[in-house]
Amino acid sequence: MKRLPGIQYLRGGAACAVVLYHAADRAQVPLRIGEAGVDLFFVLSGFLMWAITDAASRPGPFLVDRAKRIVPSYWIVTSVMVAGALCGLFPAVRLTVGHVVSSYAFLPAISPSNGAVWPLLVPGWTLNYEAGFYALFALALMLPRGLQLGAMTVALLVLALAHPLVDREQVALYFYTDPHILEFLGGLWLAQIWQGRTFGRRAAGPALIALTVGLFALASVLPTEWPKALRYGAPALTCVAAMLVHERRGAGVPDVPWLRLLGDASYSIYLWHTLIISVTAKVAARLQLGAGLAITLHCVAGIAIGLLAYRCIERPIIGFFRRSGGRAAGLAPTVGRGASARPD
């Protein structure tokens, strides 16, 4: 698949939206639209997995490649969390062997710190969804290509429809049947349509942009009790579709180096930003900064540490796998979190 600059820009924008949401949350300013970052990530993930595979793709190599991309950086940040908690840097974090093991294993489990179904590194809940989606997608890769999308459609719809029937005590099943999983399905179907010859007609671009704006505006006034997959999943899907139409038309999307960098570093920005925001929150409180300055400080620090981690940790890991003959050069997982993610 050829490189799509616009998709990278959306990944960077989604990561920054998550940072902004957490920054505003720390400053006690409601900014719920930032939650849409995670929905955009999930749609992108579904799109990319279908776009980068074909009839020759096999489950084993696919899972190995995904593991090379998501595991090393996530384990490093999780280990920092464990070390920090043991040293007393995160007094609100309670460590138990079971929860730590489930966090490293990408399995949903109840956190002893707050009772929520969050891993030790709270934003990593989306990686649990990603891991589950990858496992299901790998099973689908065992089928002929013509049956894979249909099988994924049936599986994800059945899971989502079963959600109201599942007891909350069944933690893993309740987690994996959440309607959030339908955003992966939307991305899969978008990729299938995108691969068709009729995708990207001239009038589609402006119409999709207008629809995206309208849906996001509607999401801001809909009750928060409504599923996020409905409130933010729909505009996230049309947003990605609009960008893909622009990619297809004329000269496509221009290459803007700093936007490309944000996209490349989006995984690291997502993984690391809550740790530094925990620090800047203390700085803002001590300096008695106003909400605007505090949010700015949190955002700058969150993005900066992500860029640094990308340069010093993530990119060298990718380079190592490339040199050793492994692929691991594919796009990073599309992850993010709309709820507050505080390690302390």
C-alpha atoms as a PDB file:
ATOM      1  CA  MET A   1       0.000   0.000   0.000  1.00  0.00           C
ATOM      2  CA  LYS A   2       1.374   3.399  -0.940  1.00  0.00           C
ATOM      3  CA  ARG A   3       1.986   5.859   1.845  1.00  0.00           C
ATOM      4  CA  LEU A   4      -1.030   8.061   2.590  1.00  0.00           C
ATOM      5  CA  PRO A   5       0.117  11.348   4.161  1.00  0.00           C
ATOM      6  CA  GLY A   6      -3.408  12.329   5.106  1.00  0.00           C
ATOM      7  CA  ILE A   7      -3.876   9.184   7.176  1.00  0.00           C
ATOM      8  CA  GLN A   8      -0.677   9.962   9.064  1.00  0.00           C
ATOM      9  CA  TYR A   9      -1.936  13.498   9.702  1.00  0.00           C
ATOM     10  CA  LEU A  10      -5.175  12.109  11.126  1.00  0.00           C
ATOM     11  CA  ARG A  11      -3.221   9.826  13.432  1.00  0.00           C
ATOM     12  CA  GLY A  12      -1.211  12.770  14.693  1.00  0.00           C
ATOM     13  CA  GLY A  13      -4.347  14.861  15.091  1.00  0.00           C
ATOM     14  CA  ALA A  14      -6.079  12.081  17.013  1.00  0.00           C
ATOM     15  CA  ALA A  15      -3.112  11.757  19.380  1.00  0.00           C
ATOM     16  CA  CYS A  16      -3.057  15.512  19.985  1.00  0.00           C
ATOM     17  CA  ALA A  17      -6.807  15.484  20.628  1.00  0.00           C
ATOM     18  CA  VAL A  18      -6.300  12.879  23.354  1.00  0.00           C
ATOM     19  CA  VAL A  19      -3.492  14.959  24.877  1.00  0.00           C
ATOM     20  CA  LEU A  20      -5.721  18.037  24.815  1.00  0.00           C
ATOM     21  CA  TYR A  21      -8.541  16.129  26.470  1.00  0.00           C
ATOM     22  CA  HIS A  22      -6.335  14.938  29.316  1.00  0.00           C
ATOM     23  CA  ALA A  23      -4.714  18.372  29.644  1.00  0.00           C
ATOM     24  CA  ALA A  24      -8.124  20.020  29.966  1.00  0.00           C
ATOM     25  CA  ASP A  25      -9.259  17.332  32.397  1.00  0.00           C
ATOM     26  CA  ARG A  26      -6.271  18.081  34.617  1.00  0.00           C
ATOM     27  CA  ALA A  27      -7.184  21.745  34.545  1.00  0.00           C
ATOM     28  CA  GLN A  28     -10.793  20.809  35.409  1.00  0.00           C
ATOM     29  CA  VAL A  29     -12.065  22.183  32.129  1.00  0.00           C
ATOM     30  CA  PRO A  30     -14.673  20.019  30.332  1.00  0.00           C
ATOM     31  CA  LEU A  31     -13.575  19.338  26.774  1.00  0.00           C
ATOM     32  CA  ARG A  32     -15.319  16.124  25.864  1.00  0.00           C
ATOM     33  CA  ILE A  33     -14.806  16.483  22.109  1.00  0.00           C
ATOM     34  CA  GLY A  34     -11.228  15.333  22.718  1.00  0.00           C
ATOM     35  CA  GLU A  35     -12.690  11.906  23.430  1.00  0.00           C
ATOM     36  CA  ALA A  36     -13.255  11.544  19.692  1.00  0.00           C
ATOM     37  CA  GLY A  37      -9.535  10.909  19.297  1.00  0.00           C
ATOM     38  CA  VAL A  38      -9.955   7.295  20.381  1.00  0.00           C
ATOM     39  CA  ASP A  39     -12.840   6.729  17.965  1.00  0.00           C
ATOM     40  CA  LEU A  40     -10.759   8.119  15.129  1.00  0.00           C
ATOM     41  CA  PHE A  41      -7.930   5.784  16.128  1.00  0.00           C
ATOM     42  CA  PHE A  42     -10.194   2.724  16.043  1.00  0.00           C
ATOM     43  CA  VAL A  43     -11.627   3.582  12.623  1.00  0.00           C
ATOM     44  CA  LEU A  44      -8.103   4.099  11.312  1.00  0.00           C
ATOM     45  CA  SER A  45      -7.003   0.781  12.761  1.00  0.00           C
ATOM     46  CA  GLY A  46      -9.769  -1.117  10.990  1.00  0.00           C
ATOM     47  CA  PHE A  47      -9.006   0.689   7.740  1.00  0.00           C
ATOM     48  CA  LEU A  48      -5.270   0.072   7.910  1.00  0.00           C
ATOM     49  CA  MET A  49      -5.475  -3.618   8.788  1.00  0.00           C
ATOM     50  CA  TRP A  50      -7.623  -4.319   5.734  1.00  0.00           C
ATOM     51  CA  ALA A  51      -5.561  -2.026   3.507  1.00  0.00           C
ATOM     52  CA  ILE A  52      -2.159  -3.523   4.398  1.00  0.00           C
ATOM     53  CA  THR A  53      -3.221  -7.186   4.064  1.00  0.00           C
ATOM     54  CA  ASP A  54      -4.216  -9.212   1.022  1.00  0.00           C
ATOM     55  CA  ALA A  55      -4.946 -12.773  -0.053  1.00  0.00           C
ATOM     56  CA  ALA A  56      -1.337 -13.781   0.668  1.00  0.00           C
ATOM     57  CA  SER A  57      -1.377 -12.540   4.293  1.00  0.00           C
ATOM     58  CA  ARG A  58      -1.126 -15.218   6.959  1.00  0.00           C
ATOM     59  CA  PRO A  59      -2.104 -15.127  10.669  1.00  0.00           C
ATOM     60  CA  GLY A  60       1.337 -15.938  12.092  1.00  0.00           C
ATOM     61  CA  PRO A  61       3.393 -13.256  10.333  1.00  0.00           C
ATOM     62  CA  PHE A  62       0.562 -10.752  10.825  1.00  0.00           C
ATOM     63  CA  LEU A  63       0.488 -11.254  14.602  1.00  0.00           C
ATOM     64  CA  VAL A  64       4.281 -11.246  14.862  1.00  0.00           C
ATOM     65  CA  ASP A  65       4.458  -7.971  12.975  1.00  0.00           C
ATOM     66  CA  ARG A  66       1.767  -6.392  15.166  1.00  0.00           C
ATOM     67  CA  ALA A  67       3.550  -7.587  18.303  1.00  0.00           C
ATOM     68  CA  LYS A  68       6.817  -6.046  17.152  1.00  0.00           C
ATOM     69  CA  ARG A  69       5.072  -2.733  16.708  1.00  0.00           C
ATOM     70  CA  ILE A  70       3.036  -2.498  19.884  1.00  0.00           C
ATOM     71  CA  VAL A  71       4.721  -4.609  22.556  1.00  0.00           C
ATOM     72  CA  PRO A  72       8.226  -3.147  23.106  1.00  0.00           C
ATOM     73  CA  SER A  73       7.226   0.501  23.630  1.00  0.00           C
ATOM     74  CA  TYR A  74       4.187  -0.432  25.719  1.00  0.00           C
ATOM     75  CA  TRP A  75       6.165  -2.739  27.970  1.00  0.00           C
ATOM     76  CA  ILE A  76       8.790  -0.045  28.472  1.00  0.00           C
ATOM     77  CA  VAL A  77       6.208   2.533  29.602  1.00  0.00           C
ATOM     78  CA  THR A  78       4.420  -0.032  31.763  1.00  0.00           C
ATOM     79  CA  SER A  79       7.748  -0.900  33.398  1.00  0.00           C
ATOM     80  CA  VAL A  80       8.306   2.786  34.125  1.00  0.00           C
ATOM     81  CA  MET A  81       4.889   2.793  35.798  1.00  0.00           C
ATOM     82  CA  VAL A  82       5.783  -0.241  37.908  1.00  0.00           C
ATOM     83  CA  ALA A  83       9.121   1.254  38.938  1.00  0.00           C
ATOM     84  CA  GLY A  84       7.529   4.605  39.734  1.00  0.00           C
ATOM     85  CA  ALA A  85       4.812   2.988  41.831  1.00  0.00           C
ATOM     86  CA  LEU A  86       7.369   0.910  43.755  1.00  0.00           C
ATOM     87  CA  CYS A  87       9.353   4.086  44.443  1.00  0.00           C
ATOM     88  CA  GLY A  88       6.255   5.915  45.669  1.00  0.00           C
ATOM     89  CA  LEU A  89       6.084   8.369  42.787  1.00  0.00           C
ATOM     90  CA  PHE A  90       2.464   7.404  42.059  1.00  0.00           C
ATOM     91  CA  PRO A  91       0.846   7.139  45.500  1.00  0.00           C
ATOM     92  CA  ALA A  92      -2.607   6.428  44.091  1.00  0.00           C
ATOM     93  CA  VAL A  93      -1.391   3.348  42.215  1.00  0.00           C
ATOM     94  CA  ARG A  94      -1.844  -0.002  43.944  1.00  0.00           C
ATOM     95  CA  LEU A  95       0.161  -2.904  42.575  1.00  0.00           C
ATOM     96  CA  THR A  96      -1.016  -6.502  42.563  1.00  0.00           C
ATOM     97  CA  VAL A  97       0.660  -9.380  40.764  1.00  0.00           C
ATOM     98  CA  GLY A  98      -2.500 -10.298  38.853  1.00  0.00           C
ATOM     99  CA  HIS A  99      -3.138  -6.782  37.616  1.00  0.00           C
ATOM    100  CA  VAL A 100       0.477  -6.215  36.615  1.00  0.00           C
ATOM    101  CA  VAL A 101       0.554  -9.501  34.683  1.00  0.00           C
ATOM    102  CA  SER A 102      -2.728  -8.722  32.903  1.00  0.00           C
ATOM    103  CA  SER A 103      -1.381  -5.276  32.020  1.00  0.00           C
ATOM    104  CA  TYR A 104       1.684  -6.749  30.326  1.00  0.00           C
ATOM    105  CA  ALA A 105      -0.467  -9.405  28.634  1.00  0.00           C
ATOM    106  CA  PHE A 106      -2.982  -6.940  27.090  1.00  0.00           C
ATOM    107  CA  LEU A 107      -5.864  -8.525  28.991  1.00  0.00           C
ATOM    108  CA  PRO A 108      -8.712  -6.484  30.498  1.00  0.00           C
ATOM    109  CA  ALA A 109      -8.801  -6.624  34.288  1.00  0.00           C
ATOM    110  CA  ILE A 110     -10.183  -4.552  37.134  1.00  0.00           C
ATOM    111  CA  SER A 111      -7.660  -2.065  38.468  1.00  0.00           C
ATOM    112  CA  PRO A 112      -7.103  -2.286  42.244  1.00  0.00           C
ATOM    113  CA  SER A 113      -6.401   1.460  42.219  1.00  0.00           C
ATOM    114  CA  ASN A 114      -9.840   2.644  41.107  1.00  0.00           C
ATOM    115  CA  GLY A 115     -12.049  -0.361  40.352  1.00  0.00           C
ATOM    116  CA  ALA A 116     -12.197   0.427  36.624  1.00  0.00           C
ATOM    117  CA  VAL A 117     -11.310  -2.024  33.866  1.00  0.00           C
ATOM    118  CA  TRP A 118      -8.004  -0.351  33.150  1.00  0.00           C
ATOM    119  CA  PRO A 119      -4.450  -1.674  32.876  1.00  0.00           C
ATOM    120  CA  LEU A 120      -1.636  -0.256  34.980  1.00  0.00           C
ATOM    121  CA  LEU A 121      -0.935   2.328  32.299  1.00  0.00           C
ATOM    122  CA  VAL A 122      -4.518   3.519  32.037  1.00  0.00           C
ATOM    123  CA  PRO A 123      -4.482   4.629  28.374  1.00  0.00           C
ATOM    124  CA  GLY A 124      -3.469   1.077  27.511  1.00  0.00           C
ATOM    125  CA  TRP A 125      -7.116   0.008  27.657  1.00  0.00           C
ATOM    126  CA  THR A 126      -7.279   0.756  23.943  1.00  0.00           C
ATOM    127  CA  LEU A 127      -4.386  -1.602  23.326  1.00  0.00           C
ATOM    128  CA  ASN A 128      -6.471  -4.332  24.912  1.00  0.00           C
ATOM    129  CA  TYR A 129      -9.098  -3.613  22.247  1.00  0.00           C
ATOM    130  CA  GLU A 130      -6.429  -3.518  19.557  1.00  0.00           C
ATOM    131  CA  ALA A 131      -4.990  -6.857  20.694  1.00  0.00           C
ATOM    132  CA  GLY A 132      -8.436  -8.432  20.662  1.00  0.00           C
ATOM    133  CA  PHE A 133      -9.149  -7.027  17.216  1.00  0.00           C
ATOM    134  CA  TYR A 134      -5.798  -8.295  15.902  1.00  0.00           C
ATOM    135  CA  ALA A 135      -6.512 -11.778  17.262  1.00  0.00           C
ATOM    136  CA  LEU A 136      -9.943 -11.872  15.624  1.00  0.00           C
ATOM    137  CA  PHE A 137      -8.540 -10.484  12.376  1.00  0.00           C
ATOM    138  CA  ALA A 138      -5.777 -13.111  12.397  1.00  0.00           C
ATOM    139  CA  LEU A 139      -8.438 -15.829  12.621  1.00  0.00           C
ATOM    140  CA  ALA A 140     -10.208 -14.263   9.649  1.00  0.00           C
ATOM    141  CA  LEU A 141      -6.946 -14.382   7.668  1.00  0.00           C
ATOM    142  CA  MET A 142      -7.216 -18.174   7.755  1.00  0.00           C
ATOM    143  CA  LEU A 143     -10.196 -17.889   5.419  1.00  0.00           C
ATOM    144  CA  PRO A 144     -10.151 -17.099   1.677  1.00  0.00           C
ATOM    145  CA  ARG A 145      -9.932 -13.346   1.110  1.00  0.00           C
ATOM    146  CA  GLY A 146     -13.451 -13.238  -0.271  1.00  0.00           C
ATOM    147  CA  LEU A 147     -14.870 -14.503   3.032  1.00  0.00           C
ATOM    148  CA  GLN A 148     -12.730 -12.523   5.477  1.00  0.00           C
ATOM    149  CA  LEU A 149     -14.707  -9.285   5.547  1.00  0.00           C
ATOM    150  CA  GLY A 150     -18.012 -11.091   5.849  1.00  0.00           C
ATOM    151  CA  ALA A 151     -16.690 -13.198   8.713  1.00  0.00           C
ATOM    152  CA  MET A 152     -15.393 -10.106  10.540  1.00  0.00           C
ATOM    153  CA  THR A 153     -18.708  -8.347   9.994  1.00  0.00           C
ATOM    154  CA  VAL A 154     -20.718 -11.201  11.478  1.00  0.00           C
ATOM    155  CA  ALA A 155     -18.328 -11.701  14.396  1.00  0.00           C
ATOM    156  CA  LEU A 156     -18.167  -8.034  15.422  1.00  0.00           C
ATOM    157  CA  LEU A 157     -21.912  -7.500  15.020  1.00  0.00           C
ATOM    158  CA  VAL A 158     -22.713 -10.568  17.100  1.00  0.00           C
ATOM    159  CA  LEU A 159     -20.345  -9.424  19.833  1.00  0.00           C
ATOM    160  CA  ALA A 160     -21.791  -5.908  19.913  1.00  0.00           C
ATOM    161  CA  LEU A 161     -25.385  -7.159  19.925  1.00  0.00           C
ATOM    162  CA  ALA A 162     -24.561  -9.468  22.828  1.00  0.00           C
ATOM    163  CA  HIS A 163     -23.274  -6.624  25.001  1.00  0.00           C
ATOM    164  CA  PRO A 164     -26.605  -5.810  26.748  1.00  0.00           C
ATOM    165  CA  LEU A 165     -26.946  -9.475  27.675  1.00  0.00           C
ATOM    166  CA  VAL A 166     -23.527  -9.774  29.315  1.00  0.00           C
ATOM    167  CA  ASP A 167     -23.145  -9.313  33.058  1.00  0.00           C
ATOM    168  CA  ARG A 168     -20.571  -6.735  34.135  1.00  0.00           C
ATOM    169  CA  GLU A 169     -19.000  -9.371  36.370  1.00  0.00           C
ATOM    170  CA  GLN A 170     -17.855 -11.152  33.219  1.00  0.00           C
ATOM    171  CA  VAL A 171     -15.125  -8.572  32.827  1.00  0.00           C
ATOM    172  CA  ALA A 172     -13.414  -9.732  29.643  1.00  0.00           C
ATOM    173  CA  LEU A 173     -16.608 -10.585  27.763  1.00  0.00           C
ATOM    174  CA  TYR A 174     -18.284  -7.342  28.805  1.00  0.00           C
ATOM    175  CA  PHE A 175     -15.203  -5.412  27.686  1.00  0.00           C
ATOM    176  CA  TYR A 176     -14.878  -7.068  24.273  1.00  0.00           C
ATOM    177  CA  THR A 177     -18.572  -6.762  23.427  1.00  0.00           C
ATOM    178  CA  ASP A 178     -18.649  -3.005  23.937  1.00  0.00           C
ATOM    179  CA  PRO A 179     -20.019  -1.162  20.844  1.00  0.00           C
ATOM    180  CA  HIS A 180     -16.587   0.436  20.470  1.00  0.00           C
ATOM    181  CA  ILE A 181     -15.636  -2.611  18.402  1.00  0.00           C
ATOM    182  CA  LEU A 182     -17.989  -1.489  15.638  1.00  0.00           C
ATOM    183  CA  GLU A 183     -15.584   1.354  14.866  1.00  0.00           C
ATOM    184  CA  PHE A 184     -13.042  -1.252  13.726  1.00  0.00           C
ATOM    185  CA  LEU A 185     -15.749  -2.702  11.503  1.00  0.00           C
ATOM    186  CA  GLY A 186     -16.470   0.721  10.010  1.00  0.00           C
ATOM    187  CA  GLY A 187     -12.787   1.074   9.155  1.00  0.00           C
ATOM    188  CA  LEU A 188     -12.684  -2.367   7.539  1.00  0.00           C
ATOM    189  CA  TRP A 189     -15.609  -1.574   5.256  1.00  0.00           C
ATOM    190  CA  LEU A 190     -14.215   1.858   4.449  1.00  0.00           C
ATOM    191  CA  ALA A 191     -10.996   0.214   3.263  1.00  0.00           C
ATOM    192  CA  GLN A 192     -12.986  -2.197   1.107  1.00  0.00           C
ATOM    193  CA  ILE A 193     -14.901   0.672  -0.500  1.00  0.00           C
ATOM    194  CA  TRP A 194     -11.708   2.735  -0.859  1.00  0.00           C
ATOM    195  CA  GLN A 195     -10.135  -0.065  -2.886  1.00  0.00           C
ATOM    196  CA  GLY A 196     -12.959   0.146  -5.439  1.00  0.00           C
ATOM    197  CA  ARG A 197     -12.657   2.105  -8.657  1.00  0.00           C
ATOM    198  CA  THR A 198     -15.624   4.357  -7.990  1.00  0.00           C
ATOM    199  CA  PHE A 199     -14.300   5.739  -4.699  1.00  0.00           C
ATOM    200  CA  GLY A 200     -13.423   9.421  -4.586  1.00  0.00           C
ATOM    201  CA  ARG A 201     -15.863  11.117  -6.924  1.00  0.00           C
ATOM    202  CA  ARG A 202     -15.560  14.894  -7.099  1.00  0.00           C
ATOM    203  CA  ALA A 203     -18.679  15.778  -5.108  1.00  0.00           C
ATOM    204  CA  ALA A 204     -17.923  13.317  -2.309  1.00  0.00           C
ATOM    205  CA  GLY A 205     -15.164  15.366  -0.669  1.00  0.00           C
ATOM    206  CA  PRO A 206     -17.106  18.546   0.221  1.00  0.00           C
ATOM    207  CA  ALA A 207     -20.167  16.487   1.167  1.00  0.00           C
ATOM    208  CA  LEU A 208     -18.164  14.313   3.557  1.00  0.00           C
ATOM    209  CA  ILE A 209     -16.470  17.329   5.122  1.00  0.00           C
ATOM    210  CA  ALA A 210     -19.829  19.004   5.719  1.00  0.00           C
ATOM    211  CA  LEU A 211     -21.250  15.766   7.105  1.00  0.00           C
ATOM    212  CA  THR A 212     -18.271  15.355   9.449  1.00  0.00           C
ATOM    213  CA  VAL A 213     -18.657  18.880  10.831  1.00  0.00           C
ATOM    214  CA  GLY A 214     -22.375  18.358  11.297  1.00  0.00           C
ATOM    215  CA  LEU A 215     -21.936  15.006  13.043  1.00  0.00           C
ATOM    216  CA  PHE A 216     -19.301  16.360  15.418  1.00  0.00           C
ATOM    217  CA  ALA A 217     -21.579  19.300  16.235  1.00  0.00           C
ATOM    218  CA  LEU A 218     -24.415  16.875  16.895  1.00  0.00           C
ATOM    219  CA  ALA A 219     -22.159  14.720  19.082  1.00  0.00           C
ATOM    220  CA  SER A 220     -21.449  17.724  21.310  1.00  0.00           C
ATOM    221  CA  VAL A 221     -25.120  18.017  22.256  1.00  0.00           C
ATOM    222  CA  LEU A 222     -26.115  14.352  22.397  1.00  0.00           C
ATOM    223  CA  PRO A 223     -26.477  12.802  25.872  1.00  0.00           C
ATOM    224  CA  THR A 224     -23.199  11.437  27.208  1.00  0.00           C
ATOM    225  CA  GLU A 225     -25.010   8.205  28.058  1.00  0.00           C
ATOM    226  CA  TRP A 226     -25.256   7.385  24.362  1.00  0.00           C
ATOM    227  CA  PRO A 227     -22.559   4.948  23.143  1.00  0.00           C
ATOM    228  CA  LYS A 228     -19.418   6.724  22.005  1.00  0.00           C
ATOM    229  CA  ALA A 229     -19.398   4.488  18.957  1.00  0.00           C
ATOM    230  CA  LEU A 230     -22.546   6.303  17.878  1.00  0.00           C
ATOM    231  CA  ARG A 231     -21.706   9.825  19.053  1.00  0.00           C
ATOM    232  CA  TYR A 232     -18.116   9.944  17.817  1.00  0.00           C
ATOM    233  CA  GLY A 233     -17.727   6.814  15.699  1.00  0.00           C
ATOM    234  CA  ALA A 234     -19.892   8.132  12.859  1.00  0.00           C
ATOM    235  CA  PRO A 235     -18.048  11.479  12.440  1.00  0.00           C
ATOM    236  CA  ALA A 236     -14.716   9.685  12.822  1.00  0.00           C
ATOM    237  CA  LEU A 237     -15.664   7.405   9.944  1.00  0.00           C
ATOM    238  CA  THR A 238     -16.744  10.264   7.668  1.00  0.00           C
ATOM    239  CA  CYS A 239     -13.603  12.204   8.637  1.00  0.00           C
ATOM    240  CA  VAL A 240     -11.342   9.386   7.466  1.00  0.00           C
ATOM    241  CA  ALA A 241     -13.447   8.952   4.326  1.00  0.00           C
ATOM    242  CA  ALA A 242     -13.134  12.667   3.534  1.00  0.00           C
ATOM    243  CA  MET A 243      -9.356  12.512   3.863  1.00  0.00           C
ATOM    244  CA  LEU A 244      -9.180   9.451   1.627  1.00  0.00           C
ATOM    245  CA  VAL A 245     -11.245  11.205  -1.036  1.00  0.00           C
ATOM    246  CA  HIS A 246      -8.814  14.109  -0.924  1.00  0.00           C
ATOM    247  CA  GLU A 247      -5.926  11.635  -1.221  1.00  0.00           C
ATOM    248  CA  ARG A 248      -7.510  10.205  -4.375  1.00  0.00           C
ATOM    249  CA  ARG A 249      -8.319  13.521  -6.076  1.00  0.00           C
ATOM    250  CA  GLY A 250      -5.835  15.625  -8.084  1.00  0.00           C
ATOM    251  CA  ALA A 251      -2.360  15.887  -6.598  1.00  0.00           C
ATOM    252  CA  GLY A 252      -3.478  14.282  -3.368  1.00  0.00           C
ATOM    253  CA  VAL A 253      -2.400  15.467   0.075  1.00  0.00           C
ATOM    254  CA  PRO A 254       0.928  17.347   0.209  1.00  0.00           C
ATOM    255  CA  ASP A 255       3.744  16.095   2.406  1.00  0.00           C
ATOM    256  CA  VAL A 256       4.119  18.410   5.425  1.00  0.00           C
ATOM    257  CA  PRO A 257       7.135  17.252   7.482  1.00  0.00           C
ATOM    258  CA  TRP A 258       5.958  18.389  10.924  1.00  0.00           C
ATOM    259  CA  LEU A 259       2.509  16.882  10.429  1.00  0.00           C
ATOM    260  CA  ARG A 260       4.095  13.664   9.210  1.00  0.00           C
ATOM    261  CA  LEU A 261       6.298  13.628  12.329  1.00  0.00           C
ATOM    262  CA  LEU A 262       3.264  13.981  14.606  1.00  0.00           C
ATOM    263  CA  GLY A 263       1.663  11.045  12.803  1.00  0.00           C
ATOM    264  CA  ASP A 264       4.792   8.917  13.005  1.00  0.00           C
ATOM    265  CA  ALA A 265       5.144   9.714  16.712  1.00  0.00           C
ATOM    266  CA  SER A 266       1.438   9.356  17.570  1.00  0.00           C
ATOM    267  CA  TYR A 267       1.907   6.017  19.337  1.00  0.00           C
ATOM    268  CA  SER A 268       4.677   7.372  21.553  1.00  0.00           C
ATOM    269  CA  ILE A 269       2.729  10.575  22.225  1.00  0.00           C
ATOM    270  CA  TYR A 270      -0.209   8.491  23.331  1.00  0.00           C
ATOM    271  CA  LEU A 271       1.806   6.160  25.529  1.00  0.00           C
ATOM    272  CA  TRP A 272       3.897   8.742  27.349  1.00  0.00           C
ATOM    273  CA  HIS A 273       1.824  11.920  27.637  1.00  0.00           C
ATOM    274  CA  THR A 274      -0.125  11.039  30.788  1.00  0.00           C
ATOM    275  CA  LEU A 275       3.088  10.462  32.728  1.00  0.00           C
ATOM    276  CA  ILE A 276       4.466  13.915  32.013  1.00  0.00           C
ATOM    277  CA  ILE A 277       1.074  15.553  32.542  1.00  0.00           C
ATOM    278  CA  SER A 278       1.151  14.120  36.071  1.00  0.00           C
ATOM    279  CA  VAL A 279       4.329  16.118  36.583  1.00  0.00           C
ATOM    280  CA  THR A 280       3.200  19.322  34.898  1.00  0.00           C
ATOM    281  CA  ALA A 281      -0.048  19.210  36.895  1.00  0.00           C
ATOM    282  CA  LYS A 282       1.997  19.524  40.079  1.00  0.00           C
ATOM    283  CA  VAL A 283       4.023  22.341  38.542  1.00  0.00           C
ATOM    284  CA  ALA A 284       0.867  24.176  37.464  1.00  0.00           C
ATOM    285  CA  ALA A 285      -0.635  23.806  40.924  1.00  0.00           C
ATOM    286  CA  ARG A 286       2.496  25.075  42.647  1.00  0.00           C
ATOM    287  CA  LEU A 287       2.742  28.066  40.315  1.00  0.00           C
ATOM    288  CA  GLN A 288      -1.031  28.629  40.550  1.00  0.00           C
ATOM    289  CA  LEU A 289      -1.352  28.821  36.793  1.00  0.00           C
ATOM    290  CA  GLY A 290      -4.707  29.654  35.254  1.00  0.00           C
ATOM    291  CA  ALA A 291      -6.561  27.026  33.277  1.00  0.00           C
ATOM    292  CA  GLY A 292      -5.389  28.312  29.893  1.00  0.00           C
ATOM    293  CA  LEU A 293      -1.701  28.341  30.812  1.00  0.00           C
ATOM    294  CA  ALA A 294      -1.975  24.994  32.568  1.00  0.00           C
ATOM    295  CA  ILE A 295      -3.577  23.341  29.553  1.00  0.00           C
ATOM    296  CA  THR A 296      -0.904  24.826  27.277  1.00  0.00           C
ATOM    297  CA  LEU A 297       1.854  23.533  29.567  1.00  0.00           C
ATOM    298  CA  HIS A 298       0.329  20.051  29.691  1.00  0.00           C
ATOM    299  CA  CYS A 299      -0.117  19.871  25.915  1.00  0.00           C
ATOM    300  CA  VAL A 300       3.373  21.098  25.076  1.00  0.00           C
ATOM    301  CA  ALA A 301       4.964  18.717  27.575  1.00  0.00           C
ATOM    302  CA  GLY A 302       2.781  15.770  26.508  1.00  0.00           C
ATOM    303  CA  ILE A 303       3.591  16.153  22.833  1.00  0.00           C
ATOM    304  CA  ALA A 304       7.264  16.900  23.526  1.00  0.00           C
ATOM    305  CA  ILE A 305       7.838  13.764  25.590  1.00  0.00           C
ATOM    306  CA  GLY A 306       6.103  11.725  22.910  1.00  0.00           C
ATOM    307  CA  LEU A 307       8.364  13.125  20.200  1.00  0.00           C
ATOM    308  CA  LEU A 308      11.418  12.468  22.380  1.00  0.00           C
ATOM    309  CA  ALA A 309      10.306   8.896  23.086  1.00  0.00           C
ATOM    310  CA  TYR A 310       9.718   8.340  19.376  1.00  0.00           C
ATOM    311  CA  ARG A 311      13.207   9.528  18.499  1.00  0.00           C
ATOM    312  CA  CYS A 312      15.003   7.731  21.330  1.00  0.00           C
ATOM    313  CA  ILE A 313      12.935   4.571  21.855  1.00  0.00           C
ATOM    314  CA  GLU A 314      10.302   3.738  19.257  1.00  0.00           C
ATOM    315  CA  ARG A 315      12.220   4.566  16.078  1.00  0.00           C
ATOM    316  CA  PRO A 316      15.380   2.681  17.169  1.00  0.00           C
ATOM    317  CA  ILE A 317      13.208  -0.366  17.935  1.00  0.00           C
ATOM    318  CA  ILE A 318      11.634  -0.163  14.468  1.00  0.00           C
ATOM    319  CA  GLY A 319      15.110   0.180  12.969  1.00  0.00           C
ATOM    320  CA  PHE A 320      16.339  -2.863  14.888  1.00  0.00           C
ATOM    321  CA  PHE A 321      13.564  -5.062  13.524  1.00  0.00           C
ATOM    322  CA  ARG A 322      14.152  -3.773  10.014  1.00  0.00           C
ATOM    323  CA  ARG A 323      17.851  -4.566  10.213  1.00  0.00           C
ATOM    324  CA  SER A 324      17.203  -8.004  11.686  1.00  0.00           C
ATOM    325  CA  GLY A 325      14.942  -8.888   8.790  1.00  0.00           C
ATOM    326  CA  GLY A 326      11.613  -8.481  10.585  1.00  0.00           C
ATOM    327  CA  ARG A 327       8.985  -6.280   9.063  1.00  0.00           C
ATOM    328  CA  ALA A 328       7.816  -4.185  12.012  1.00  0.00           C
ATOM    329  CA  ALA A 329       7.826  -1.187   9.713  1.00  0.00           C
ATOM    330  CA  GLY A 330       4.102  -1.018   9.335  1.00  0.00           C
ATOM    331  CA  LEU A 331       1.959   1.666  10.817  1.00  0.00           C
ATOM    332  CA  ALA A 332       1.796   1.774  14.587  1.00  0.00           C
ATOM    333  CA  PRO A 333      -1.392   0.798  16.375  1.00  0.00           C
ATOM    334  CA  THR A 334      -4.000   3.487  16.455  1.00  0.00           C
ATOM    335  CA  VAL A 335      -4.746   4.034  20.057  1.00  0.00           C
ATOM    336  CA  GLY A 336      -6.068   6.710  22.351  1.00  0.00           C
ATOM    337  CA  ARG A 337      -8.307   7.309  25.319  1.00  0.00           C
ATOM    338  CA  GLY A 338     -11.114   9.707  25.984  1.00  0.00           C
ATOM    339  CA  ALA A 339     -11.419   9.204  29.746  1.00  0.00           C
ATOM    340  CA  SER A 340      -9.093  10.618  32.329  1.00  0.00           C
ATOM    341  CA  ALA A 341      -5.868   8.627  32.616  1.00  0.00           C
ATOM    342  CA  ARG A 342      -3.995   9.595  35.747  1.00  0.00           C
ATOM    343  CA  PRO A 343      -1.106   7.466  37.020  1.00  0.00           C
ATOM    344  CA  ASP A 344      -1.094   9.253  40.354  1.00  0.00           C
END
